[in-house]
Structures are given as C-alpha cells and as structure tokens.
Amino acid sequence: MPIKQTKADLQEIVSLQLEHLNVMHELLSVLKEENRLLEDVNRKLKEEVVRFRGKVDDRGV
C-alpha cells in the first residue's frame, strides 16, 4: 500500500532538495576555482620548463 504524504512532507522534501542543490552549487564553485588555479600553475610551470630548456640549450648541454 503506497504511503500517503502530506503537503508539509512534500514541502520538507523540496526544501531539503533545494538545500542540497545549493550545497552542490557551492562545491562546483570551489572546484571551478581550484581548476582555474591549477591551470594557472600549469601554465607557469610550462613557461618555466621552456625557459630552463632555453638556458640548457644555450650552454650546449
């Protein structure tokens, strides 16, 4: 036999779902920022490698 839910029960469920969506949105924002930072560090590291290789090549090593 199906369980009957009151309007208050459904409102509570919807409220919890909204809360969970907000938390997921916050987590996605954090992940996007971390990704941006990682991409920035990766770009800088690539530039350093290119500079280092240039110095090594200039020395004839």
PDB file of N, CA and C in Angstrom:
ATOM      1  N   MET A   1       0.846  -1.179   0.000  1.00  0.00           N
ATOM      2  CA  MET A   1       0.000   0.000   0.000  1.00  0.00           C
ATOM      3  C   MET A   1       0.897   1.250   0.000  1.00  0.00           C
ATOM      4  N   PRO A   2       0.664   2.177  -0.923  1.00  0.00           N
ATOM      5  CA  PRO A   2       1.502   3.378  -1.010  1.00  0.00           C
ATOM      6  C   PRO A   2       1.373   4.252   0.245  1.00  0.00           C
ATOM      7  N   ILE A   3       2.477   4.895   0.565  1.00  0.00           N
ATOM      8  CA  ILE A   3       2.492   5.794   1.719  1.00  0.00           C
ATOM      9  C   ILE A   3       1.954   7.144   1.282  1.00  0.00           C
ATOM     10  N   LYS A   4       1.016   7.672   2.043  1.00  0.00           N
ATOM     11  CA  LYS A   4       0.473   8.995   1.743  1.00  0.00           C
ATOM     12  C   LYS A   4       1.365  10.037   2.402  1.00  0.00           C
ATOM     13  N   GLN A   5       1.667  11.068   1.643  1.00  0.00           N
ATOM     14  CA  GLN A   5       2.469  12.153   2.177  1.00  0.00           C
ATOM     15  C   GLN A   5       1.643  13.424   2.204  1.00  0.00           C
ATOM     16  N   THR A   6       1.818  14.152   3.264  1.00  0.00           N
ATOM     17  CA  THR A   6       1.080  15.401   3.387  1.00  0.00           C
ATOM     18  C   THR A   6       1.803  16.496   2.608  1.00  0.00           C
ATOM     19  N   LYS A   7       1.120  17.612   2.464  1.00  0.00           N
ATOM     20  CA  LYS A   7       1.726  18.760   1.797  1.00  0.00           C
ATOM     21  C   LYS A   7       2.979  19.192   2.559  1.00  0.00           C
ATOM     22  N   ALA A   8       2.930  19.153   3.878  1.00  0.00           N
ATOM     23  CA  ALA A   8       4.079  19.528   4.709  1.00  0.00           C
ATOM     24  C   ALA A   8       5.260  18.582   4.457  1.00  0.00           C
ATOM     25  N   ASP A   9       4.965  17.285   4.304  1.00  0.00           N
ATOM     26  CA  ASP A   9       6.023  16.315   3.999  1.00  0.00           C
ATOM     27  C   ASP A   9       6.699  16.654   2.669  1.00  0.00           C
ATOM     28  N   LEU A  10       5.886  16.931   1.673  1.00  0.00           N
ATOM     29  CA  LEU A  10       6.418  17.257   0.349  1.00  0.00           C
ATOM     30  C   LEU A  10       7.202  18.570   0.372  1.00  0.00           C
ATOM     31  N   GLN A  11       6.720  19.540   1.134  1.00  0.00           N
ATOM     32  CA  GLN A  11       7.437  20.808   1.247  1.00  0.00           C
ATOM     33  C   GLN A  11       8.800  20.597   1.912  1.00  0.00           C
ATOM     34  N   GLU A  12       8.851  19.713   2.896  1.00  0.00           N
ATOM     35  CA  GLU A  12      10.115  19.414   3.554  1.00  0.00           C
ATOM     36  C   GLU A  12      11.088  18.739   2.590  1.00  0.00           C
ATOM     37  N   ILE A  13      10.571  17.829   1.784  1.00  0.00           N
ATOM     38  CA  ILE A  13      11.403  17.148   0.786  1.00  0.00           C
ATOM     39  C   ILE A  13      11.959  18.157  -0.214  1.00  0.00           C
ATOM     40  N   VAL A  14      11.104  19.025  -0.703  1.00  0.00           N
ATOM     41  CA  VAL A  14      11.535  20.039  -1.674  1.00  0.00           C
ATOM     42  C   VAL A  14      12.560  20.976  -1.035  1.00  0.00           C
ATOM     43  N   SER A  15      12.336  21.334   0.202  1.00  0.00           N
ATOM     44  CA  SER A  15      13.273  22.206   0.912  1.00  0.00           C
ATOM     45  C   SER A  15      14.640  21.545   1.049  1.00  0.00           C
ATOM     46  N   LEU A  16      14.663  20.265   1.389  1.00  0.00           N
ATOM     47  CA  LEU A  16      15.928  19.534   1.503  1.00  0.00           C
ATOM     48  C   LEU A  16      16.630  19.425   0.147  1.00  0.00           C
ATOM     49  N   GLN A  17      15.845  19.188  -0.898  1.00  0.00           N
ATOM     50  CA  GLN A  17      16.437  19.103  -2.234  1.00  0.00           C
ATOM     51  C   GLN A  17      17.058  20.438  -2.631  1.00  0.00           C
ATOM     52  N   LEU A  18      16.382  21.530  -2.312  1.00  0.00           N
ATOM     53  CA  LEU A  18      16.909  22.858  -2.617  1.00  0.00           C
ATOM     54  C   LEU A  18      18.205  23.109  -1.836  1.00  0.00           C
ATOM     55  N   GLU A  19      18.215  22.710  -0.586  1.00  0.00           N
ATOM     56  CA  GLU A  19      19.418  22.854   0.236  1.00  0.00           C
ATOM     57  C   GLU A  19      20.575  22.057  -0.375  1.00  0.00           C
ATOM     58  N   HIS A  20      20.291  20.826  -0.813  1.00  0.00           N
ATOM     59  CA  HIS A  20      21.321  20.001  -1.427  1.00  0.00           C
ATOM     60  C   HIS A  20      21.822  20.615  -2.734  1.00  0.00           C
ATOM     61  N   LEU A  21      20.921  21.173  -3.511  1.00  0.00           N
ATOM     62  CA  LEU A  21      21.320  21.834  -4.755  1.00  0.00           C
ATOM     63  C   LEU A  21      22.225  23.027  -4.473  1.00  0.00           C
ATOM     64  N   ASN A  22      21.904  23.783  -3.437  1.00  0.00           N
ATOM     65  CA  ASN A  22      22.731  24.931  -3.074  1.00  0.00           C
ATOM     66  C   ASN A  22      24.131  24.497  -2.640  1.00  0.00           C
ATOM     67  N   VAL A  23      24.192  23.398  -1.886  1.00  0.00           N
ATOM     68  CA  VAL A  23      25.495  22.877  -1.462  1.00  0.00           C
ATOM     69  C   VAL A  23      26.294  22.415  -2.674  1.00  0.00           C
ATOM     70  N   MET A  24      25.634  21.731  -3.607  1.00  0.00           N
ATOM     71  CA  MET A  24      26.328  21.270  -4.820  1.00  0.00           C
ATOM     72  C   MET A  24      26.820  22.464  -5.641  1.00  0.00           C
ATOM     73  N   HIS A  25      26.026  23.522  -5.684  1.00  0.00           N
ATOM     74  CA  HIS A  25      26.434  24.728  -6.404  1.00  0.00           C
ATOM     75  C   HIS A  25      27.700  25.324  -5.772  1.00  0.00           C
ATOM     76  N   GLU A  26      27.728  25.381  -4.452  1.00  0.00           N
ATOM     77  CA  GLU A  26      28.909  25.884  -3.747  1.00  0.00           C
ATOM     78  C   GLU A  26      30.131  25.011  -4.035  1.00  0.00           C
ATOM     79  N   LEU A  27      29.940  23.695  -4.011  1.00  0.00           N
ATOM     80  CA  LEU A  27      31.050  22.781  -4.300  1.00  0.00           C
ATOM     81  C   LEU A  27      31.558  22.966  -5.728  1.00  0.00           C
ATOM     82  N   LEU A  28      30.638  23.134  -6.667  1.00  0.00           N
ATOM     83  CA  LEU A  28      31.044  23.360  -8.051  1.00  0.00           C
ATOM     84  C   LEU A  28      31.836  24.659  -8.187  1.00  0.00           C
ATOM     85  N   SER A  29      31.428  25.674  -7.451  1.00  0.00           N
ATOM     86  CA  SER A  29      32.155  26.950  -7.481  1.00  0.00           C
ATOM     87  C   SER A  29      33.573  26.765  -6.959  1.00  0.00           C
ATOM     88  N   VAL A  30      33.718  26.000  -5.879  1.00  0.00           N
ATOM     89  CA  VAL A  30      35.045  25.727  -5.324  1.00  0.00           C
ATOM     90  C   VAL A  30      35.887  24.939  -6.326  1.00  0.00           C
ATOM     91  N   LEU A  31      35.292  23.930  -6.938  1.00  0.00           N
ATOM     92  CA  LEU A  31      36.015  23.114  -7.919  1.00  0.00           C
ATOM     93  C   LEU A  31      36.445  23.942  -9.135  1.00  0.00           C
ATOM     94  N   LYS A  32      35.578  24.841  -9.579  1.00  0.00           N
ATOM     95  CA  LYS A  32      35.927  25.706 -10.711  1.00  0.00           C
ATOM     96  C   LYS A  32      37.123  26.584 -10.360  1.00  0.00           C
ATOM     97  N   GLU A  33      37.120  27.138  -9.150  1.00  0.00           N
ATOM     98  CA  GLU A  33      38.229  27.986  -8.718  1.00  0.00           C
ATOM     99  C   GLU A  33      39.512  27.166  -8.601  1.00  0.00           C
ATOM    100  N   GLU A  34      39.420  25.973  -8.033  1.00  0.00           N
ATOM    101  CA  GLU A  34      40.604  25.108  -7.939  1.00  0.00           C
ATOM    102  C   GLU A  34      41.125  24.754  -9.329  1.00  0.00           C
ATOM    103  N   ASN A  35      40.239  24.485 -10.248  1.00  0.00           N
ATOM    104  CA  ASN A  35      40.629  24.174 -11.620  1.00  0.00           C
ATOM    105  C   ASN A  35      41.328  25.367 -12.263  1.00  0.00           C
ATOM    106  N   ARG A  36      40.801  26.552 -12.034  1.00  0.00           N
ATOM    107  CA  ARG A  36      41.414  27.765 -12.580  1.00  0.00           C
ATOM    108  C   ARG A  36      42.827  27.938 -12.018  1.00  0.00           C
ATOM    109  N   LEU A  37      42.970  27.728 -10.714  1.00  0.00           N
ATOM    110  CA  LEU A  37      44.285  27.839 -10.087  1.00  0.00           C
ATOM    111  C   LEU A  37      45.259  26.801 -10.630  1.00  0.00           C
ATOM    112  N   LEU A  38      44.792  25.571 -10.803  1.00  0.00           N
ATOM    113  CA  LEU A  38      45.644  24.520 -11.360  1.00  0.00           C
ATOM    114  C   LEU A  38      46.076  24.847 -12.788  1.00  0.00           C
ATOM    115  N   GLU A  39      45.163  25.362 -13.593  1.00  0.00           N
ATOM    116  CA  GLU A  39      45.506  25.735 -14.957  1.00  0.00           C
ATOM    117  C   GLU A  39      46.548  26.846 -14.964  1.00  0.00           C
ATOM    118  N   ASP A  40      46.416  27.799 -14.041  1.00  0.00           N
ATOM    119  CA  ASP A  40      47.370  28.895 -13.927  1.00  0.00           C
ATOM    120  C   ASP A  40      48.753  28.373 -13.540  1.00  0.00           C
ATOM    121  N   VAL A  41      48.794  27.488 -12.546  1.00  0.00           N
ATOM    122  CA  VAL A  41      50.067  26.902 -12.120  1.00  0.00           C
ATOM    123  C   VAL A  41      50.675  26.080 -13.249  1.00  0.00           C
ATOM    124  N   ASN A  42      49.863  25.329 -13.953  1.00  0.00           N
ATOM    125  CA  ASN A  42      50.342  24.512 -15.067  1.00  0.00           C
ATOM    126  C   ASN A  42      50.944  25.387 -16.159  1.00  0.00           C
ATOM    127  N   ARG A  43      50.287  26.489 -16.467  1.00  0.00           N
ATOM    128  CA  ARG A  43      50.792  27.416 -17.486  1.00  0.00           C
ATOM    129  C   ARG A  43      52.147  27.976 -17.057  1.00  0.00           C
ATOM    130  N   LYS A  44      52.254  28.390 -15.790  1.00  0.00           N
ATOM    131  CA  LYS A  44      53.514  28.935 -15.285  1.00  0.00           C
ATOM    132  C   LYS A  44      54.619  27.881 -15.298  1.00  0.00           C
ATOM    133  N   LEU A  45      54.275  26.656 -14.944  1.00  0.00           N
ATOM    134  CA  LEU A  45      55.259  25.574 -14.960  1.00  0.00           C
ATOM    135  C   LEU A  45      55.761  25.317 -16.381  1.00  0.00           C
ATOM    136  N   LYS A  46      54.849  25.324 -17.355  1.00  0.00           N
ATOM    137  CA  LYS A  46      55.253  25.140 -18.750  1.00  0.00           C
ATOM    138  C   LYS A  46      56.209  26.249 -19.175  1.00  0.00           C
ATOM    139  N   GLU A  47      55.914  27.495 -18.766  1.00  0.00           N
ATOM    140  CA  GLU A  47      56.795  28.617 -19.103  1.00  0.00           C
ATOM    141  C   GLU A  47      58.176  28.424 -18.476  1.00  0.00           C
ATOM    142  N   GLU A  48      58.219  27.948 -17.245  1.00  0.00           N
ATOM    143  CA  GLU A  48      59.493  27.687 -16.574  1.00  0.00           C
ATOM    144  C   GLU A  48      60.292  26.605 -17.295  1.00  0.00           C
ATOM    145  N   VAL A  49      59.611  25.548 -17.729  1.00  0.00           N
ATOM    146  CA  VAL A  49      60.280  24.459 -18.443  1.00  0.00           C
ATOM    147  C   VAL A  49      60.873  24.988 -19.745  1.00  0.00           C
ATOM    148  N   VAL A  50      60.121  25.813 -20.456  1.00  0.00           N
ATOM    149  CA  VAL A  50      60.612  26.376 -21.716  1.00  0.00           C
ATOM    150  C   VAL A  50      61.841  27.246 -21.448  1.00  0.00           C
ATOM    151  N   ARG A  51      61.781  28.081 -20.399  1.00  0.00           N
ATOM    152  CA  ARG A  51      62.933  28.934 -20.063  1.00  0.00           C
ATOM    153  C   ARG A  51      64.145  28.084 -19.681  1.00  0.00           C
ATOM    154  N   PHE A  52      63.908  27.038 -18.892  1.00  0.00           N
ATOM    155  CA  PHE A  52      65.003  26.163 -18.467  1.00  0.00           C
ATOM    156  C   PHE A  52      65.644  25.472 -19.660  1.00  0.00           C
ATOM    157  N   ARG A  53      64.810  24.966 -20.558  1.00  0.00           N
ATOM    158  CA  ARG A  53      65.335  24.297 -21.758  1.00  0.00           C
ATOM    159  C   ARG A  53      66.161  25.272 -22.595  1.00  0.00           C
ATOM    160  N   GLY A  54      65.674  26.515 -22.657  1.00  0.00           N
ATOM    161  CA  GLY A  54      66.421  27.532 -23.406  1.00  0.00           C
ATOM    162  C   GLY A  54      67.784  27.770 -22.797  1.00  0.00           C
ATOM    163  N   LYS A  55      67.860  27.822 -21.478  1.00  0.00           N
ATOM    164  CA  LYS A  55      69.142  28.021 -20.804  1.00  0.00           C
ATOM    165  C   LYS A  55      70.059  26.833 -21.024  1.00  0.00           C
ATOM    166  N   VAL A  56      69.507  25.628 -20.941  1.00  0.00           N
ATOM    167  CA  VAL A  56      70.296  24.418 -21.141  1.00  0.00           C
ATOM    168  C   VAL A  56      70.810  24.382 -22.580  1.00  0.00           C
ATOM    169  N   ASP A  57      69.972  24.706 -23.543  1.00  0.00           N
ATOM    170  CA  ASP A  57      70.374  24.696 -24.951  1.00  0.00           C
ATOM    171  C   ASP A  57      71.450  25.746 -25.202  1.00  0.00           C
ATOM    172  N   ASP A  58      71.347  26.913 -24.549  1.00  0.00           N
ATOM    173  CA  ASP A  58      72.339  27.985 -24.733  1.00  0.00           C
ATOM    174  C   ASP A  58      73.708  27.566 -24.225  1.00  0.00           C
ATOM    175  N   ARG A  59      73.732  26.715 -23.213  1.00  0.00           N
ATOM    176  CA  ARG A  59      75.004  26.249 -22.658  1.00  0.00           C
ATOM    177  C   ARG A  59      75.606  25.129 -23.487  1.00  0.00           C
ATOM    178  N   GLY A  60      74.810  24.564 -24.367  1.00  0.00           N
ATOM    179  CA  GLY A  60      75.286  23.461 -25.192  1.00  0.00           C
ATOM    180  C   GLY A  60      75.347  22.151 -24.459  1.00  0.00           C
ATOM    181  N   VAL A  61      74.479  22.023 -23.433  1.00  0.00           N
ATOM    182  CA  VAL A  61      74.462  20.791 -22.634  1.00  0.00           C
ATOM    183  C   VAL A  61      73.546  19.791 -23.268  1.00  0.00           C
TER     184      VAL A  61
END
